[in-house]
């Protein structure tokens, strides 16, 4: 392999570095983390990213190695003499800040870049370009599950919740810092390179295939993908005209795959009726076998390890509103993602069985106070091992059902739609939801949120 041969492209700087103004605060390093309660070292301080450009060449004949270039456009939120990016494994060949070669060092999953020449002033825009290569390593979560780059029989699936994006590219790896994305995947002929957003172009040479994808809506790093494999492609559209582009491992039953594509459109139409306009300009799915054991709400194109049930599609597509368009400000508030997506399943069940959400609520509420459902509280999972537990998903959905019953159906759906409108393309936390719900409904909801969201133990009197 000749390093960067397939990646050669001009580097365009967005801004020139200028000396700090006299009397300004002394420049310093950006922090190695944003202080997330569950992942203290995730993300980085001192800057905000506006756009990622990833060009990745995949070499299955070389053990699944990649050679890649990441171009990161950012704005300094403080005077910066150095800053961090999150990167797991992989070998960094060169880093440039704007047009200048920069020194760097590695410390664990941190890539620490020293700004050449003068510090970057607060408010200044800058461009970081990182050339890197190697065989990506799957990241193992605190709960033992796999994420990030996960090899498959003919390529890889990329599923990043919560911190796996750093196995694919250097990144400000936290949902509070969203950006637009463009991903170019260069793969051997016969394979597809699938990412988020719209497929902008696809070109083929004698031996290689280049796929270019663009996500024009802000996206958290945990929701990006760069999946590679042999796929059958299916196209469709939702009732509002949103194109649906789905990639399915050809070993799966073709008629079942086609039905799942049709269900995608049906679910999108139903969710739009409930929660407002679909938030993105494209939809679809990636259905491919990988040793992960879960589905994931990849933005615009959810990942499923097998042909999904309609209920599972409801869950993952509901996340496009709750989790993807409106993301948690810290991972402590992931119940805002999972509670809404789980409750969407319950509401879907009411199409065939009116009142089904209430039946499910009562079944779960009948569990004894000693059951693990009741602790930790949804908004206080305590550590990363508990962030995907029943309190986050099921008790989170129960909290929303109690809210619906207290404020009534009309106000409940007004709250859900207002939530998406108010925080579209951004992030929010539990307190934001309570305050918005109180404004919409005119009710005091402190006790409800205290009992159902913030406090360990089974709420009484319901």
Protein backbone atom coordinates (compact mmCIF):
# COMPACT_ATOMS: atom_id res chain seq x y z
CA UNK A 1 0.00 0.00 0.00
CA UNK A 2 1.20 3.49 -0.84
CA UNK A 3 0.09 5.78 1.93
CA UNK A 4 -2.52 8.36 0.89
CA UNK A 5 -2.11 7.59 -2.85
CA UNK A 6 -5.86 7.05 -3.23
CA UNK A 7 -6.74 9.97 -0.99
CA UNK A 8 -4.82 12.80 -2.60
CA UNK A 9 -6.87 15.99 -2.57
CA UNK A 10 -6.20 19.70 -1.97
CA UNK A 11 -6.66 20.94 1.56
CA UNK A 12 -8.65 24.15 1.76
CA UNK A 13 -8.28 26.25 4.90
CA UNK A 14 -11.34 28.04 6.20
CA UNK A 15 -9.36 30.61 8.17
CA UNK A 16 -5.84 31.79 8.84
CA UNK A 17 -4.48 31.71 12.34
CA UNK A 18 -3.95 35.18 13.79
CA UNK A 19 -2.14 36.28 16.95
CA UNK A 20 -4.25 36.70 20.05
CA UNK A 21 -5.28 40.24 20.83
CA UNK A 22 -3.37 42.13 23.48
CA UNK A 23 -4.87 41.60 26.89
CA UNK A 24 -6.71 38.43 25.89
CA UNK A 25 -6.74 35.43 28.19
CA UNK A 26 -3.64 33.29 27.96
CA UNK A 27 -4.03 30.44 25.46
CA UNK A 28 -4.22 26.94 26.85
CA UNK A 29 -5.13 23.37 26.03
CA UNK A 30 -8.64 22.21 25.28
CA UNK A 31 -9.86 19.72 27.87
CA UNK A 32 -9.70 15.95 27.30
CA UNK A 33 -13.45 15.47 27.74
CA UNK A 34 -16.65 17.42 28.21
CA UNK A 35 -17.30 16.06 31.69
CA UNK A 36 -20.08 13.64 30.79
CA UNK A 37 -21.21 11.88 34.00
CA UNK A 38 -21.04 8.43 32.37
CA UNK A 39 -18.12 8.98 29.98
CA UNK A 40 -15.91 11.71 31.50
CA UNK A 41 -13.25 11.54 28.78
CA UNK A 42 -15.66 11.45 25.83
CA UNK A 43 -15.67 14.53 23.66
CA UNK A 44 -13.26 17.40 24.05
CA UNK A 45 -13.28 20.98 25.22
CA UNK A 46 -12.15 24.20 23.58
CA UNK A 47 -13.88 23.93 20.23
CA UNK A 48 -17.09 23.02 18.40
CA UNK A 49 -17.13 21.06 15.15
CA UNK A 50 -19.28 22.23 12.23
CA UNK A 51 -18.39 19.59 9.62
CA UNK A 52 -16.59 16.27 9.17
CA UNK A 53 -15.25 15.10 5.84
CA UNK A 54 -14.11 11.46 5.83
CA UNK A 55 -12.37 9.76 2.92
CA UNK A 56 -11.73 6.08 3.65
CA UNK A 57 -10.16 3.39 1.48
CA UNK A 58 -10.86 -0.21 2.49
CA UNK A 59 -8.39 -3.02 1.71
CA UNK A 60 -9.84 -6.47 2.54
CA UNK A 61 -6.80 -8.13 0.99
CA UNK A 62 -4.65 -6.49 3.66
CA UNK A 63 -6.50 -7.84 6.66
CA UNK A 64 -9.26 -5.25 6.52
CA UNK A 65 -6.86 -2.32 6.71
CA UNK A 66 -7.96 1.20 5.92
CA UNK A 67 -6.16 4.35 4.85
CA UNK A 68 -8.09 7.49 5.55
CA UNK A 69 -8.19 11.24 5.71
CA UNK A 70 -10.45 13.15 8.08
CA UNK A 71 -11.04 16.88 7.54
CA UNK A 72 -12.61 18.55 10.57
CA UNK A 73 -13.94 22.10 10.42
CA UNK A 74 -14.28 23.69 13.83
CA UNK A 75 -14.53 26.93 15.79
CA UNK A 76 -12.51 27.64 18.92
CA UNK A 77 -14.54 28.36 22.06
CA UNK A 78 -11.40 29.46 23.92
CA UNK A 79 -7.88 30.45 22.99
CA UNK A 80 -6.28 27.18 21.98
CA UNK A 81 -2.63 26.22 22.14
CA UNK A 82 -3.51 22.54 21.85
CA UNK A 83 -6.63 20.43 21.59
CA UNK A 84 -7.77 16.81 21.73
CA UNK A 85 -9.55 14.48 19.33
CA UNK A 86 -10.86 11.03 20.25
CA UNK A 87 -9.25 8.17 18.29
CA UNK A 88 -9.10 4.48 19.21
CA UNK A 89 -6.14 2.59 17.76
CA UNK A 90 -5.06 3.28 14.16
CA UNK A 91 -1.77 4.92 13.19
CA UNK A 92 -1.65 8.65 12.60
CA UNK A 93 0.73 9.68 9.84
CA UNK A 94 0.30 13.44 9.75
CA UNK A 95 -1.83 16.22 11.22
CA UNK A 96 -2.31 19.68 9.75
CA UNK A 97 -3.98 22.68 11.36
CA UNK A 98 -5.09 24.80 8.44
CA UNK A 99 -2.17 24.54 6.02
CA UNK A 100 0.54 23.89 8.58
CA UNK A 101 1.98 20.56 9.70
CA UNK A 102 1.39 20.17 13.43
CA UNK A 103 2.99 18.08 16.12
CA UNK A 104 0.83 15.53 17.88
CA UNK A 105 1.01 12.79 20.46
CA UNK A 106 -1.18 9.90 21.57
CA UNK A 107 -2.42 9.14 25.07
CA UNK A 108 -4.86 6.26 25.27
CA UNK A 109 -7.82 7.17 23.08
CA UNK A 110 -6.75 10.81 22.88
CA UNK A 111 -5.01 12.39 19.89
CA UNK A 112 -3.45 15.57 21.26
CA UNK A 113 -2.61 18.20 18.65
CA UNK A 114 -0.33 21.17 19.31
CA UNK A 115 -1.31 24.28 17.39
CA UNK A 116 1.61 25.46 15.22
CA UNK A 117 2.77 29.06 15.44
CA UNK A 118 0.26 31.35 17.18
CA UNK A 119 -2.61 30.08 19.29
CA UNK A 120 -6.07 29.88 17.75
CA UNK A 121 -8.11 32.83 19.10
CA UNK A 122 -11.48 32.28 20.68
CA UNK A 123 -14.19 32.42 18.02
CA UNK A 124 -11.78 31.64 15.18
CA UNK A 125 -12.63 28.96 12.64
CA UNK A 126 -9.98 26.42 11.78
CA UNK A 127 -9.52 23.19 9.83
CA UNK A 128 -7.80 20.05 11.10
CA UNK A 129 -6.71 17.38 8.62
CA UNK A 130 -5.62 13.98 9.91
CA UNK A 131 -4.07 11.27 7.73
CA UNK A 132 -4.18 7.84 9.34
CA UNK A 133 -4.23 4.12 8.58
CA UNK A 134 -4.36 0.64 10.08
CA UNK A 135 -6.82 -2.10 10.93
CA UNK A 136 -9.73 -0.65 12.96
CA UNK A 137 -10.31 -2.30 16.32
CA UNK A 138 -13.78 -2.97 17.69
CA UNK A 139 -14.46 -1.14 20.95
CA UNK A 140 -15.86 -3.11 23.90
CA UNK A 141 -18.37 -1.22 26.03
CA UNK A 142 -18.45 -1.27 29.84
CA UNK A 143 -21.42 -3.68 29.57
CA UNK A 144 -19.38 -6.04 27.36
CA UNK A 145 -21.08 -5.28 24.05
CA UNK A 146 -19.20 -4.45 20.85
CA UNK A 147 -19.39 -1.15 19.00
CA UNK A 148 -17.61 0.91 16.41
CA UNK A 149 -16.02 -0.94 13.52
CA UNK A 150 -17.28 -4.53 13.67
CA UNK A 151 -15.91 -6.89 10.96
CA UNK A 152 -18.35 -9.02 8.98
CA UNK A 153 -17.82 -11.87 6.54
CA UNK A 154 -17.45 -9.44 3.62
CA UNK A 155 -16.61 -6.08 5.18
CA UNK A 156 -17.68 -4.27 8.32
CA UNK A 157 -20.66 -2.77 10.10
CA UNK A 158 -20.11 0.53 11.92
CA UNK A 159 -22.40 1.04 14.94
CA UNK A 160 -21.16 3.68 17.35
CA UNK A 161 -23.38 4.07 20.41
CA UNK A 162 -22.08 5.50 22.62
CA UNK A 163 -18.39 6.09 21.75
CA UNK A 164 -17.53 3.78 18.84
CA UNK A 165 -17.02 6.50 16.21
CA UNK A 166 -13.44 6.89 17.41
CA UNK A 167 -12.64 3.45 15.97
CA UNK A 168 -13.24 4.90 12.49
CA UNK A 169 -12.01 8.50 12.60
CA UNK A 170 -10.66 11.20 14.93
CA UNK A 171 -13.70 12.94 16.34
CA UNK A 172 -15.16 15.15 19.04
CA UNK A 173 -17.00 12.14 20.37
CA UNK A 174 -20.03 13.43 22.24
CA UNK A 175 -23.70 13.97 21.29
CA UNK A 176 -23.61 17.58 22.48
CA UNK A 177 -21.38 18.50 19.51
CA UNK A 178 -23.24 17.76 16.28
CA UNK A 179 -21.99 18.49 12.79
CA UNK A 180 -22.77 17.95 9.13
CA UNK A 181 -20.92 15.10 7.41
CA UNK A 182 -19.61 13.98 4.05
CA UNK A 183 -18.30 10.42 3.78
CA UNK A 184 -16.44 8.94 0.80
CA UNK A 185 -15.93 5.18 0.89
CA UNK A 186 -13.53 3.59 -1.61
CA UNK A 187 -14.08 -0.17 -1.71
CA UNK A 188 -13.25 -3.08 -4.04
CA UNK A 189 -15.62 -3.63 -6.94
CA UNK A 190 -18.54 -5.80 -5.87
CA UNK A 191 -18.79 -4.21 -2.43
CA UNK A 192 -20.90 -1.24 -1.39
CA UNK A 193 -19.88 1.54 0.97
CA UNK A 194 -22.94 2.74 2.88
CA UNK A 195 -23.22 5.81 5.08
CA UNK A 196 -25.78 8.33 6.30
CA UNK A 197 -27.77 10.85 4.36
CA UNK A 198 -28.10 11.10 0.61
CA UNK A 199 -26.03 9.14 -1.87
CA UNK A 200 -24.43 12.00 -3.80
CA UNK A 201 -22.44 9.94 -6.29
CA UNK A 202 -21.30 6.43 -7.09
CA UNK A 203 -18.51 5.75 -9.55
CA UNK A 204 -16.81 2.54 -10.64
CA UNK A 205 -13.37 1.85 -12.06
CA UNK A 206 -11.93 -1.47 -13.14
CA UNK A 207 -11.19 -2.53 -9.56
CA UNK A 208 -12.70 0.01 -7.17
CA UNK A 209 -16.05 1.58 -6.35
CA UNK A 210 -16.38 5.05 -4.80
CA UNK A 211 -19.50 5.95 -2.80
CA UNK A 212 -20.05 9.54 -1.63
CA UNK A 213 -22.67 10.36 1.00
CA UNK A 214 -23.73 13.71 2.45
CA UNK A 215 -25.59 14.43 5.70
CA UNK A 216 -26.79 18.02 5.56
CA UNK A 217 -28.56 17.87 8.92
CA UNK A 218 -26.54 17.97 12.16
CA UNK A 219 -25.56 14.52 13.35
CA UNK A 220 -23.89 13.25 16.53
CA UNK A 221 -20.84 11.08 15.98
CA UNK A 222 -22.46 8.03 17.57
CA UNK A 223 -25.06 8.03 14.79
CA UNK A 224 -22.70 7.97 11.81
CA UNK A 225 -21.86 4.82 9.89
CA UNK A 226 -19.40 3.70 7.24
CA UNK A 227 -20.54 0.14 6.62
CA UNK A 228 -19.08 -2.04 3.89
CA UNK A 229 -20.22 -5.30 2.34
CA UNK A 230 -22.13 -7.08 -0.39
CA UNK A 231 -25.66 -5.74 -0.43
CA UNK A 232 -28.86 -5.85 -2.43
CA UNK A 233 -30.26 -2.34 -2.81
CA UNK A 234 -33.97 -1.48 -2.37
CA UNK A 235 -35.57 1.88 -3.12
CA UNK A 236 -38.92 3.26 -2.04
CA UNK A 237 -40.46 6.47 -0.69
CA UNK A 238 -42.60 7.62 2.21
CA UNK A 239 -45.94 9.36 1.67
CA UNK A 240 -44.26 12.76 2.06
CA UNK A 241 -41.82 11.91 -0.75
CA UNK A 242 -38.83 11.16 1.48
CA UNK A 243 -36.65 8.66 -0.44
CA UNK A 244 -36.01 5.33 1.28
CA UNK A 245 -32.75 3.56 0.38
CA UNK A 246 -32.12 0.22 2.08
CA UNK A 247 -29.13 -2.12 1.81
CA UNK A 248 -29.65 -5.78 2.67
CA UNK A 249 -27.22 -8.69 2.91
CA UNK A 250 -28.23 -10.83 -0.12
CA UNK A 251 -28.26 -13.98 2.02
CA UNK A 252 -31.51 -12.78 3.64
CA UNK A 253 -34.86 -13.75 2.12
CA UNK A 254 -35.65 -11.28 -0.64
CA UNK A 255 -39.42 -11.13 -0.09
CA UNK A 256 -38.92 -10.56 3.65
CA UNK A 257 -36.45 -7.80 2.86
CA UNK A 258 -38.94 -6.17 0.49
CA UNK A 259 -41.63 -6.32 3.15
CA UNK A 260 -39.34 -4.59 5.65
CA UNK A 261 -38.80 -1.79 3.12
CA UNK A 262 -42.56 -1.38 2.79
CA UNK A 263 -42.90 -1.38 6.58
CA UNK A 264 -40.31 1.40 6.80
CA UNK A 265 -42.59 3.64 4.75
CA UNK A 266 -45.68 2.67 6.77
CA UNK A 267 -43.93 3.35 10.07
CA UNK A 268 -42.54 6.68 8.88
CA UNK A 269 -46.01 7.80 7.79
CA UNK A 270 -47.54 6.79 11.14
CA UNK A 271 -44.80 8.45 13.20
CA UNK A 272 -45.18 11.62 11.15
CA UNK A 273 -48.86 11.72 12.07
CA UNK A 274 -47.97 11.34 15.75
CA UNK A 275 -44.85 13.47 16.17
CA UNK A 276 -44.63 15.82 13.21
CA UNK A 277 -42.65 15.91 9.99
CA UNK A 278 -39.86 13.39 9.49
CA UNK A 279 -36.74 15.37 10.44
CA UNK A 280 -34.32 14.33 7.67
CA UNK A 281 -34.14 14.30 3.87
CA UNK A 282 -33.72 10.54 3.40
CA UNK A 283 -34.41 7.24 5.16
CA UNK A 284 -33.72 3.55 4.81
CA UNK A 285 -31.83 0.80 6.61
CA UNK A 286 -28.76 -1.41 6.66
CA UNK A 287 -29.56 -5.08 7.28
CA UNK A 288 -26.39 -7.11 7.71
CA UNK A 289 -25.23 -9.89 10.01
CA UNK A 290 -22.67 -8.76 12.58
CA UNK A 291 -21.73 -10.06 16.00
CA UNK A 292 -23.24 -7.20 17.98
CA UNK A 293 -26.58 -8.54 19.21
CA UNK A 294 -28.55 -5.32 18.81
CA UNK A 295 -30.11 -2.92 16.32
CA UNK A 296 -29.10 0.75 16.28
CA UNK A 297 -30.80 3.97 15.25
CA UNK A 298 -28.09 5.03 12.78
CA UNK A 299 -29.21 8.46 11.53
CA UNK A 300 -31.39 8.15 8.41
CA UNK A 301 -30.43 4.48 7.95
CA UNK A 302 -30.97 2.27 11.05
CA UNK A 303 -28.89 -0.88 11.36
CA UNK A 304 -30.52 -4.29 11.93
CA UNK A 305 -28.61 -7.58 12.35
CA UNK A 306 -31.49 -9.49 10.70
CA UNK A 307 -34.81 -8.76 9.00
CA UNK A 308 -36.54 -6.63 11.65
CA UNK A 309 -40.03 -6.95 13.05
CA UNK A 310 -42.39 -4.03 12.59
CA UNK A 311 -42.12 -3.29 16.32
CA UNK A 312 -38.33 -3.05 16.10
CA UNK A 313 -38.61 -0.76 13.10
CA UNK A 314 -40.99 1.47 15.06
CA UNK A 315 -38.41 1.72 17.84
CA UNK A 316 -35.44 2.55 15.63
CA UNK A 317 -37.32 4.87 13.29
CA UNK A 318 -38.88 6.71 16.26
CA UNK A 319 -35.31 7.48 17.29
CA UNK A 320 -34.95 9.63 14.18
CA UNK A 321 -37.12 12.14 16.08
CA UNK A 322 -36.09 11.22 19.62
CA UNK A 323 -32.33 10.76 19.95
CA UNK A 324 -31.18 11.69 16.47
CA UNK A 325 -32.88 15.00 15.72
CA UNK A 326 -33.05 15.81 19.44
CA UNK A 327 -30.05 14.24 21.17
CA UNK A 328 -29.22 13.95 24.88
CA UNK A 329 -27.00 16.71 26.22
CA UNK A 330 -25.16 14.05 28.24
CA UNK A 331 -25.46 10.26 28.27
CA UNK A 332 -27.14 10.51 31.67
CA UNK A 333 -30.26 11.61 29.78
CA UNK A 334 -30.39 8.73 27.31
CA UNK A 335 -33.81 7.81 28.68
CA UNK A 336 -35.09 10.70 26.53
CA UNK A 337 -34.05 8.60 23.52
CA UNK A 338 -35.07 5.17 24.73
CA UNK A 339 -38.17 6.09 26.71
CA UNK A 340 -39.75 7.81 23.71
CA UNK A 341 -38.74 5.02 21.30
CA UNK A 342 -40.11 2.34 23.62
CA UNK A 343 -43.31 4.28 24.17
CA UNK A 344 -43.66 4.60 20.39
CA UNK A 345 -43.77 0.78 20.34
CA UNK A 346 -46.62 0.85 22.85
CA UNK A 347 -48.50 3.43 20.81
CA UNK A 348 -47.99 1.36 17.67
CA UNK A 349 -49.59 -1.59 19.48
CA UNK A 350 -52.66 0.56 20.12
CA UNK A 351 -53.38 0.62 16.39
CA UNK A 352 -54.61 -2.96 16.65
CA UNK A 353 -55.48 -2.99 20.36
CA UNK A 354 -56.75 0.34 21.73
CA UNK A 355 -55.62 0.86 25.31
CA UNK A 356 -52.64 -1.48 24.88
CA UNK A 357 -50.22 1.09 26.32
CA UNK A 358 -52.23 1.12 29.54
CA UNK A 359 -52.21 -2.68 29.68
CA UNK A 360 -48.43 -2.74 29.31
CA UNK A 361 -48.05 -0.04 31.96
CA UNK A 362 -50.11 -2.04 34.45
CA UNK A 363 -48.21 -5.25 33.72
CA UNK A 364 -44.90 -3.57 34.48
CA UNK A 365 -46.26 -1.61 37.44
CA UNK A 366 -47.34 -4.91 39.01
CA UNK A 367 -43.68 -5.90 39.36
CA UNK A 368 -42.53 -5.82 43.00
CA UNK A 369 -40.53 -2.94 44.40
CA UNK A 370 -37.52 -5.26 44.57
CA UNK A 371 -37.46 -5.70 40.77
CA UNK A 372 -34.52 -4.21 38.87
CA UNK A 373 -36.97 -2.12 36.82
CA UNK A 374 -37.19 0.35 39.70
CA UNK A 375 -33.52 1.20 40.13
CA UNK A 376 -31.53 3.10 39.17
CA UNK A 377 -33.78 5.98 38.16
CA UNK A 378 -34.01 6.61 34.39
CA UNK A 379 -32.23 9.99 34.53
CA UNK A 380 -29.66 8.75 37.07
CA UNK A 381 -28.28 5.49 35.64
CA UNK A 382 -25.16 5.97 37.76
CA UNK A 383 -22.65 4.40 35.38
CA UNK A 384 -22.27 3.26 31.80
CA UNK A 385 -23.15 -0.35 32.65
CA UNK A 386 -26.73 0.71 33.46
CA UNK A 387 -27.41 3.07 30.55
CA UNK A 388 -29.15 0.39 28.46
CA UNK A 389 -31.12 -1.24 31.28
CA UNK A 390 -34.87 -1.64 31.82
CA UNK A 391 -35.17 1.55 33.91
CA UNK A 392 -34.01 3.59 30.92
CA UNK A 393 -36.23 1.87 28.35
CA UNK A 394 -39.31 0.54 30.16
CA UNK A 395 -39.55 2.84 33.17
CA UNK A 396 -38.77 5.69 30.77
CA UNK A 397 -41.77 4.66 28.65
CA UNK A 398 -43.88 4.33 31.80
CA UNK A 399 -42.97 7.89 32.78
CA UNK A 400 -44.23 9.10 29.42
CA UNK A 401 -47.45 7.12 29.84
CA UNK A 402 -48.04 8.75 33.23
CA UNK A 403 -47.39 12.13 31.60
CA UNK A 404 -49.90 11.31 28.85
CA UNK A 405 -52.54 10.32 31.38
CA UNK A 406 -51.99 13.43 33.50
CA UNK A 407 -52.06 16.01 30.70
CA UNK A 408 -54.36 14.17 28.26
CA UNK A 409 -53.74 12.89 24.75
CA UNK A 410 -53.98 16.26 23.01
CA UNK A 411 -51.42 17.97 25.22
CA UNK A 412 -49.18 14.90 25.25
CA UNK A 413 -48.79 14.97 21.49
CA UNK A 414 -48.42 18.76 21.55
CA UNK A 415 -45.57 18.28 24.02
CA UNK A 416 -43.88 15.63 21.87
CA UNK A 417 -44.13 17.76 18.72
CA UNK A 418 -43.00 20.90 20.52
CA UNK A 419 -40.02 18.99 21.93
CA UNK A 420 -38.84 18.07 18.44
CA UNK A 421 -39.46 21.56 17.03
CA UNK A 422 -37.73 23.35 19.91
CA UNK A 423 -34.58 21.23 20.00
CA UNK A 424 -34.36 20.06 16.37
CA UNK A 425 -30.74 19.59 15.33
CA UNK A 426 -29.57 20.19 18.89
CA UNK A 427 -29.36 18.50 22.28
CA UNK A 428 -31.45 18.73 25.45
CA UNK A 429 -31.85 17.23 28.91
CA UNK A 430 -34.56 16.06 31.27
CA UNK A 431 -35.13 19.46 32.83
CA UNK A 432 -35.76 20.90 29.39
CA UNK A 433 -38.52 18.35 28.79
CA UNK A 434 -40.21 19.04 32.13
CA UNK A 435 -40.21 22.80 31.59
CA UNK A 436 -41.51 22.49 28.04
CA UNK A 437 -44.24 20.06 29.14
CA UNK A 438 -45.31 22.46 31.89
CA UNK A 439 -45.50 25.37 29.43
CA UNK A 440 -47.59 23.38 26.95
CA UNK A 441 -49.93 21.76 29.49
CA UNK A 442 -50.08 24.49 32.11
CA UNK A 443 -49.57 21.85 34.81
CA UNK A 444 -47.01 21.48 37.58
CA UNK A 445 -45.05 18.33 36.69
CA UNK A 446 -42.30 18.47 39.30
CA UNK A 447 -43.73 15.60 41.33
CA UNK A 448 -44.28 13.39 38.27
CA UNK A 449 -40.70 13.84 37.07
CA UNK A 450 -39.34 13.42 40.60
CA UNK A 451 -41.19 10.13 41.12
CA UNK A 452 -40.74 8.60 37.69
CA UNK A 453 -37.50 9.97 36.31
CA UNK A 454 -35.20 11.17 39.09
CA UNK A 455 -35.82 8.91 42.09
CA UNK A 456 -34.70 5.33 42.68
CA UNK A 457 -37.46 2.96 43.72
CA UNK A 458 -41.01 2.15 42.68
CA UNK A 459 -43.32 5.17 42.56
CA UNK A 460 -46.40 4.70 44.73
CA UNK A 461 -49.99 5.67 44.16
CA UNK A 462 -50.19 4.95 40.45
